[in-house]
PDB file of N, CA and C in Angstrom:
ATOM      1  N   MET A   1      92.264 103.567 116.070  1.00  0.00           N
ATOM      2  CA  MET A   1      93.004 102.422 115.598  1.00  0.00           C
ATOM      3  C   MET A   1      94.386 102.400 116.231  1.00  0.00           C
ATOM      4  N   PRO A   2      94.868 101.216 116.583  1.00  0.00           N
ATOM      5  CA  PRO A   2      96.216 101.111 117.135  1.00  0.00           C
ATOM      6  C   PRO A   2      97.263 101.458 116.079  1.00  0.00           C
ATOM      7  N   LEU A   3      98.407 101.928 116.514  1.00  0.00           N
ATOM      8  CA  LEU A   3      99.483 102.261 115.593  1.00  0.00           C
ATOM      9  C   LEU A   3     100.698 101.385 115.849  1.00  0.00           C
ATOM     10  N   VAL A   4     101.313 100.935 114.781  1.00  0.00           N
ATOM     11  CA  VAL A   4     102.577 100.207 114.848  1.00  0.00           C
ATOM     12  C   VAL A   4     103.509 100.919 113.892  1.00  0.00           C
ATOM     13  N   GLN A   5     104.583 101.477 114.409  1.00  0.00           N
ATOM     14  CA  GLN A   5     105.536 102.230 113.599  1.00  0.00           C
ATOM     15  C   GLN A   5     104.810 103.254 112.731  1.00  0.00           C
ATOM     16  N   ASP A   6     103.897 103.986 113.316  1.00  0.00           N
ATOM     17  CA  ASP A   6     103.140 105.034 112.639  1.00  0.00           C
ATOM     18  C   ASP A   6     102.282 104.538 111.478  1.00  0.00           C
ATOM     19  N   VAL A   7     101.928 103.270 111.480  1.00  0.00           N
ATOM     20  CA  VAL A   7     101.062 102.709 110.449  1.00  0.00           C
ATOM     21  C   VAL A   7      99.791 102.216 111.127  1.00  0.00           C
ATOM     22  N   ALA A   8      98.648 102.736 110.689  1.00  0.00           N
ATOM     23  CA  ALA A   8      97.381 102.297 111.281  1.00  0.00           C
ATOM     24  C   ALA A   8      97.079 100.870 110.850  1.00  0.00           C
ATOM     25  N   HIS A   9      96.538 100.094 111.765  1.00  0.00           N
ATOM     26  CA  HIS A   9      96.122  98.741 111.416  1.00  0.00           C
ATOM     27  C   HIS A   9      94.836  98.407 112.153  1.00  0.00           C
ATOM     28  N   LYS A  10      94.140  97.434 111.639  1.00  0.00           N
ATOM     29  CA  LYS A  10      92.885  96.999 112.233  1.00  0.00           C
ATOM     30  C   LYS A  10      92.955  95.488 112.410  1.00  0.00           C
ATOM     31  N   VAL A  11      92.456  95.019 113.525  1.00  0.00           N
ATOM     32  CA  VAL A  11      92.439  93.585 113.810  1.00  0.00           C
ATOM     33  C   VAL A  11      91.008  93.087 113.639  1.00  0.00           C
ATOM     34  N   TYR A  12      90.867  92.050 112.834  1.00  0.00           N
ATOM     35  CA  TYR A  12      89.561  91.422 112.620  1.00  0.00           C
ATOM     36  C   TYR A  12      89.573  90.122 113.408  1.00  0.00           C
ATOM     37  N   MET A  13      88.747  90.052 114.441  1.00  0.00           N
ATOM     38  CA  MET A  13      88.735  88.869 115.303  1.00  0.00           C
ATOM     39  C   MET A  13      87.353  88.247 115.333  1.00  0.00           C
ATOM     40  N   GLU A  14      87.359  86.950 115.518  1.00  0.00           N
ATOM     41  CA  GLU A  14      86.114  86.217 115.717  1.00  0.00           C
ATOM     42  C   GLU A  14      86.307  85.288 116.908  1.00  0.00           C
ATOM     43  N   ILE A  15      85.489  85.491 117.905  1.00  0.00           N
ATOM     44  CA  ILE A  15      85.562  84.681 119.117  1.00  0.00           C
ATOM     45  C   ILE A  15      84.251  83.918 119.254  1.00  0.00           C
ATOM     46  N   ASN A  16      84.364  82.622 119.460  1.00  0.00           N
ATOM     47  CA  ASN A  16      83.190  81.757 119.631  1.00  0.00           C
ATOM     48  C   ASN A  16      82.227  81.845 118.450  1.00  0.00           C
ATOM     49  N   VAL A  17      82.788  81.890 117.244  1.00  0.00           N
ATOM     50  CA  VAL A  17      81.970  81.923 116.032  1.00  0.00           C
ATOM     51  C   VAL A  17      82.106  80.581 115.344  1.00  0.00           C
ATOM     52  N   LYS A  18      80.987  80.039 114.892  1.00  0.00           N
ATOM     53  CA  LYS A  18      81.035  78.779 114.158  1.00  0.00           C
ATOM     54  C   LYS A  18      81.847  78.990 112.886  1.00  0.00           C
ATOM     55  N   THR A  19      82.390  77.912 112.352  1.00  0.00           N
ATOM     56  CA  THR A  19      83.289  78.022 111.208  1.00  0.00           C
ATOM     57  C   THR A  19      82.569  78.092 109.867  1.00  0.00           C
ATOM     58  N   ILE A  20      81.267  78.276 109.869  1.00  0.00           N
ATOM     59  CA  ILE A  20      80.534  78.408 108.609  1.00  0.00           C
ATOM     60  C   ILE A  20      80.893  79.770 108.012  1.00  0.00           C
ATOM     61  N   ASP A  21      81.450  79.763 106.801  1.00  0.00           N
ATOM     62  CA  ASP A  21      81.953  80.986 106.196  1.00  0.00           C
ATOM     63  C   ASP A  21      80.903  82.086 106.071  1.00  0.00           C
ATOM     64  N   SER A  22      79.664  81.720 105.810  1.00  0.00           N
ATOM     65  CA  SER A  22      78.638  82.735 105.602  1.00  0.00           C
ATOM     66  C   SER A  22      78.199  83.405 106.900  1.00  0.00           C
ATOM     67  N   ASP A  23      78.617  82.887 108.051  1.00  0.00           N
ATOM     68  CA  ASP A  23      78.203  83.423 109.345  1.00  0.00           C
ATOM     69  C   ASP A  23      79.431  83.874 110.140  1.00  0.00           C
ATOM     70  N   ARG A  24      80.309  84.653 109.500  1.00  0.00           N
ATOM     71  CA  ARG A  24      81.543  85.095 110.140  1.00  0.00           C
ATOM     72  C   ARG A  24      81.652  86.609 110.033  1.00  0.00           C
ATOM     73  N   PRO A  25      81.224  87.328 111.065  1.00  0.00           N
ATOM     74  CA  PRO A  25      81.201  88.794 110.987  1.00  0.00           C
ATOM     75  C   PRO A  25      82.573  89.425 110.779  1.00  0.00           C
ATOM     76  N   GLY A  26      83.616  88.876 111.377  1.00  0.00           N
ATOM     77  CA  GLY A  26      84.958  89.435 111.194  1.00  0.00           C
ATOM     78  C   GLY A  26      85.427  89.299 109.761  1.00  0.00           C
ATOM     79  N   LEU A  27      85.243  88.111 109.183  1.00  0.00           N
ATOM     80  CA  LEU A  27      85.620  87.881 107.795  1.00  0.00           C
ATOM     81  C   LEU A  27      84.773  88.730 106.858  1.00  0.00           C
ATOM     82  N   SER A  28      83.495  88.827 107.134  1.00  0.00           N
ATOM     83  CA  SER A  28      82.610  89.650 106.301  1.00  0.00           C
ATOM     84  C   SER A  28      83.043  91.111 106.305  1.00  0.00           C
ATOM     85  N   GLN A  29      83.439  91.614 107.476  1.00  0.00           N
ATOM     86  CA  GLN A  29      83.904  92.997 107.570  1.00  0.00           C
ATOM     87  C   GLN A  29      85.226  93.184 106.835  1.00  0.00           C
ATOM     88  N   LEU A  30      86.128  92.210 106.947  1.00  0.00           N
ATOM     89  CA  LEU A  30      87.397  92.269 106.233  1.00  0.00           C
ATOM     90  C   LEU A  30      87.153  92.318 104.729  1.00  0.00           C
ATOM     91  N   ILE A  31      86.277  91.475 104.228  1.00  0.00           N
ATOM     92  CA  ILE A  31      85.954  91.465 102.797  1.00  0.00           C
ATOM     93  C   ILE A  31      85.366  92.800 102.373  1.00  0.00           C
ATOM     94  N   ALA A  32      84.442  93.336 103.168  1.00  0.00           N
ATOM     95  CA  ALA A  32      83.841  94.638 102.843  1.00  0.00           C
ATOM     96  C   ALA A  32      84.900  95.733 102.816  1.00  0.00           C
ATOM     97  N   ASP A  33      85.825  95.694 103.758  1.00  0.00           N
ATOM     98  CA  ASP A  33      86.884  96.703 103.807  1.00  0.00           C
ATOM     99  C   ASP A  33      87.841  96.569 102.626  1.00  0.00           C
ATOM    100  N   ILE A  34      88.131  95.343 102.205  1.00  0.00           N
ATOM    101  CA  ILE A  34      88.968  95.143 101.018  1.00  0.00           C
ATOM    102  C   ILE A  34      88.257  95.700  99.795  1.00  0.00           C
ATOM    103  N   GLU A  35      86.974  95.370  99.655  1.00  0.00           N
ATOM    104  CA  GLU A  35      86.199  95.866  98.513  1.00  0.00           C
ATOM    105  C   GLU A  35      86.136  97.391  98.490  1.00  0.00           C
ATOM    106  N   ALA A  36      86.115  98.012  99.661  1.00  0.00           N
ATOM    107  CA  ALA A  36      86.040  99.472  99.763  1.00  0.00           C
ATOM    108  C   ALA A  36      87.407 100.142  99.606  1.00  0.00           C
ATOM    109  N   GLY A  37      88.459  99.338  99.463  1.00  0.00           N
ATOM    110  CA  GLY A  37      89.790  99.899  99.295  1.00  0.00           C
ATOM    111  C   GLY A  37      90.434 100.378 100.581  1.00  0.00           C
ATOM    112  N   LEU A  38      89.972  99.875 101.728  1.00  0.00           N
ATOM    113  CA  LEU A  38      90.475 100.303 103.027  1.00  0.00           C
ATOM    114  C   LEU A  38      91.619  99.444 103.554  1.00  0.00           C
ATOM    115  N   VAL A  39      91.938  98.369 102.841  1.00  0.00           N
ATOM    116  CA  VAL A  39      92.951  97.420 103.315  1.00  0.00           C
ATOM    117  C   VAL A  39      94.104  97.409 102.317  1.00  0.00           C
ATOM    118  N   ASN A  40      95.344  97.505 102.834  1.00  0.00           N
ATOM    119  CA  ASN A  40      96.494  97.442 101.921  1.00  0.00           C
ATOM    120  C   ASN A  40      97.352  96.197 102.136  1.00  0.00           C
ATOM    121  N   LYS A  41      97.027  95.389 103.154  1.00  0.00           N
ATOM    122  CA  LYS A  41      97.726  94.116 103.380  1.00  0.00           C
ATOM    123  C   LYS A  41      96.932  93.299 104.394  1.00  0.00           C
ATOM    124  N   VAL A  42      96.901  91.983 104.198  1.00  0.00           N
ATOM    125  CA  VAL A  42      96.281  91.073 105.163  1.00  0.00           C
ATOM    126  C   VAL A  42      97.379  90.174 105.704  1.00  0.00           C
ATOM    127  N   ILE A  43      97.520  90.165 107.030  1.00  0.00           N
ATOM    128  CA  ILE A  43      98.471  89.289 107.700  1.00  0.00           C
ATOM    129  C   ILE A  43      97.659  88.322 108.550  1.00  0.00           C
ATOM    130  N   CYS A  44      97.870  87.042 108.328  1.00  0.00           N
ATOM    131  CA  CYS A  44      97.059  86.027 109.000  1.00  0.00           C
ATOM    132  C   CYS A  44      97.944  84.845 109.390  1.00  0.00           C
ATOM    133  N   HIS A  45      97.572  84.177 110.459  1.00  0.00           N
ATOM    134  CA  HIS A  45      98.343  83.016 110.928  1.00  0.00           C
ATOM    135  C   HIS A  45      98.480  81.961 109.833  1.00  0.00           C
ATOM    136  N   SER A  46      97.369  81.579 109.229  1.00  0.00           N
ATOM    137  CA  SER A  46      97.404  80.581 108.158  1.00  0.00           C
ATOM    138  C   SER A  46      96.195  80.772 107.253  1.00  0.00           C
ATOM    139  N   ALA A  47      96.259  80.194 106.067  1.00  0.00           N
ATOM    140  CA  ALA A  47      95.142  80.298 105.121  1.00  0.00           C
ATOM    141  C   ALA A  47      93.866  79.686 105.704  1.00  0.00           C
ATOM    142  N   GLU A  48      94.006  78.675 106.532  1.00  0.00           N
ATOM    143  CA  GLU A  48      92.837  78.042 107.157  1.00  0.00           C
ATOM    144  C   GLU A  48      92.066  79.009 108.048  1.00  0.00           C
ATOM    145  N   ARG A  49      92.717  80.053 108.555  1.00  0.00           N
ATOM    146  CA  ARG A  49      92.032  81.028 109.396  1.00  0.00           C
ATOM    147  C   ARG A  49      91.089  81.877 108.552  1.00  0.00           C
ATOM    148  N   ILE A  50      91.378  81.995 107.262  1.00  0.00           N
ATOM    149  CA  ILE A  50      90.472  82.701 106.347  1.00  0.00           C
ATOM    150  C   ILE A  50      89.302  81.781 106.024  1.00  0.00           C
ATOM    151  N   SER A  51      89.615  80.576 105.548  1.00  0.00           N
ATOM    152  CA  SER A  51      88.576  79.591 105.251  1.00  0.00           C
ATOM    153  C   SER A  51      89.205  78.220 105.081  1.00  0.00           C
ATOM    154  N   ARG A  52      88.513  77.216 105.564  1.00  0.00           N
ATOM    155  CA  ARG A  52      88.949  75.830 105.340  1.00  0.00           C
ATOM    156  C   ARG A  52      88.354  75.286 104.050  1.00  0.00           C
ATOM    157  N   ASN A  53      87.388  76.008 103.509  1.00  0.00           N
ATOM    158  CA  ASN A  53      86.745  75.631 102.260  1.00  0.00           C
ATOM    159  C   ASN A  53      87.604  76.159 101.103  1.00  0.00           C
ATOM    160  N   PRO A  54      88.158  75.271 100.273  1.00  0.00           N
ATOM    161  CA  PRO A  54      89.047  75.719  99.200  1.00  0.00           C
ATOM    162  C   PRO A  54      88.388  76.695  98.221  1.00  0.00           C
ATOM    163  N   VAL A  55      87.110  76.507  97.937  1.00  0.00           N
ATOM    164  CA  VAL A  55      86.412  77.405  97.005  1.00  0.00           C
ATOM    165  C   VAL A  55      86.303  78.803  97.615  1.00  0.00           C
ATOM    166  N   GLU A  56      85.895  78.886  98.884  1.00  0.00           N
ATOM    167  CA  GLU A  56      85.771  80.185  99.553  1.00  0.00           C
ATOM    168  C   GLU A  56      87.134  80.854  99.714  1.00  0.00           C
ATOM    169  N   LEU A  57      88.156  80.071 100.033  1.00  0.00           N
ATOM    170  CA  LEU A  57      89.500  80.620 100.148  1.00  0.00           C
ATOM    171  C   LEU A  57      89.962  81.170  98.800  1.00  0.00           C
ATOM    172  N   GLY A  58      89.675  80.443  97.741  1.00  0.00           N
ATOM    173  CA  GLY A  58      90.021  80.899  96.394  1.00  0.00           C
ATOM    174  C   GLY A  58      89.337  82.205  96.041  1.00  0.00           C
ATOM    175  N   LYS A  59      88.068  82.341  96.414  1.00  0.00           N
ATOM    176  CA  LYS A  59      87.334  83.597  96.163  1.00  0.00           C
ATOM    177  C   LYS A  59      87.981  84.751  96.922  1.00  0.00           C
ATOM    178  N   PHE A  60      88.355  84.505  98.172  1.00  0.00           N
ATOM    179  CA  PHE A  60      88.994  85.546  98.977  1.00  0.00           C
ATOM    180  C   PHE A  60      90.335  85.947  98.351  1.00  0.00           C
ATOM    181  N   MET A  61      91.125  84.953  97.952  1.00  0.00           N
ATOM    182  CA  MET A  61      92.426  85.238  97.358  1.00  0.00           C
ATOM    183  C   MET A  61      92.278  85.976  96.028  1.00  0.00           C
ATOM    184  N   HIS A  62      91.266  85.637  95.262  1.00  0.00           N
ATOM    185  CA  HIS A  62      91.007  86.323  94.000  1.00  0.00           C
ATOM    186  C   HIS A  62      90.647  87.794  94.256  1.00  0.00           C
ATOM    187  N   LEU A  63      89.784  88.039  95.239  1.00  0.00           N
ATOM    188  CA  LEU A  63      89.414  89.411  95.589  1.00  0.00           C
ATOM    189  C   LEU A  63      90.638  90.204  96.014  1.00  0.00           C
ATOM    190  N   ALA A  64      91.452  89.616  96.883  1.00  0.00           N
ATOM    191  CA  ALA A  64      92.659  90.300  97.347  1.00  0.00           C
ATOM    192  C   ALA A  64      93.579  90.617  96.174  1.00  0.00           C
ATOM    193  N   ASN A  65      93.722  89.683  95.258  1.00  0.00           N
ATOM    194  CA  ASN A  65      94.559  89.899  94.085  1.00  0.00           C
ATOM    195  C   ASN A  65      94.000  91.022  93.206  1.00  0.00           C
ATOM    196  N   GLN A  66      92.688  91.027  92.988  1.00  0.00           N
ATOM    197  CA  GLN A  66      92.050  92.072  92.185  1.00  0.00           C
ATOM    198  C   GLN A  66      92.278  93.461  92.786  1.00  0.00           C
ATOM    199  N   LYS A  67      92.256  93.542  94.101  1.00  0.00           N
ATOM    200  CA  LYS A  67      92.402  94.821  94.795  1.00  0.00           C
ATOM    201  C   LYS A  67      93.862  95.124  95.168  1.00  0.00           C
ATOM    202  N   ASN A  68      94.785  94.294  94.671  1.00  0.00           N
ATOM    203  CA  ASN A  68      96.221  94.475  94.961  1.00  0.00           C
ATOM    204  C   ASN A  68      96.530  94.494  96.451  1.00  0.00           C
ATOM    205  N   VAL A  69      95.892  93.567  97.165  1.00  0.00           N
ATOM    206  CA  VAL A  69      96.097  93.435  98.603  1.00  0.00           C
ATOM    207  C   VAL A  69      96.928  92.173  98.841  1.00  0.00           C
ATOM    208  N   PRO A  70      98.198  92.334  99.243  1.00  0.00           N
ATOM    209  CA  PRO A  70      99.010  91.154  99.503  1.00  0.00           C
ATOM    210  C   PRO A  70      98.509  90.377 100.712  1.00  0.00           C
ATOM    211  N   LEU A  71      98.617  89.058 100.624  1.00  0.00           N
ATOM    212  CA  LEU A  71      98.254  88.166 101.724  1.00  0.00           C
ATOM    213  C   LEU A  71      99.557  87.601 102.291  1.00  0.00           C
ATOM    214  N   VAL A  72      99.726  87.720 103.605  1.00  0.00           N
ATOM    215  CA  VAL A  72     100.912  87.208 104.274  1.00  0.00           C
ATOM    216  C   VAL A  72     100.451  86.198 105.314  1.00  0.00           C
ATOM    217  N   PHE A  73     100.937  84.971 105.178  1.00  0.00           N
ATOM    218  CA  PHE A  73     100.585  83.925 106.126  1.00  0.00           C
ATOM    219  C   PHE A  73     101.824  83.559 106.938  1.00  0.00           C
ATOM    220  N   ALA A  74     101.695  83.550 108.251  1.00  0.00           N
ATOM    221  CA  ALA A  74     102.815  83.263 109.138  1.00  0.00           C
ATOM    222  C   ALA A  74     103.218  81.793 109.081  1.00  0.00           C
ATOM    223  N   GLU A  75     102.289  80.948 108.734  1.00  0.00           N
ATOM    224  CA  GLU A  75     102.552  79.509 108.710  1.00  0.00           C
ATOM    225  C   GLU A  75     102.689  79.015 107.304  1.00  0.00           C
TER     226      GLU A  75
END
C-alpha cells in the first residue's frame, strides 16, 4: 500500500465501469472493507462518485456512520 505521511491508504478505482451500483467492483470492495473495519476515512471527489442514486447513497452513508467512518467530499 502507498504511504502518505506514514499513513497507509488504499485507492478504490473504477475504470470503464457502467454506473449501475450493483455492478461496481471498486465500490463493492470499499463497502466490504468498511464492513470489515479496514477503513477509517473515505475521501471522495463528490457524493455522486459514490452513487447518483439517493437511496444507495443513503445506505452507504448510513453504513459509514454506523462504522464511525467519516466521509470527506472535495466538492
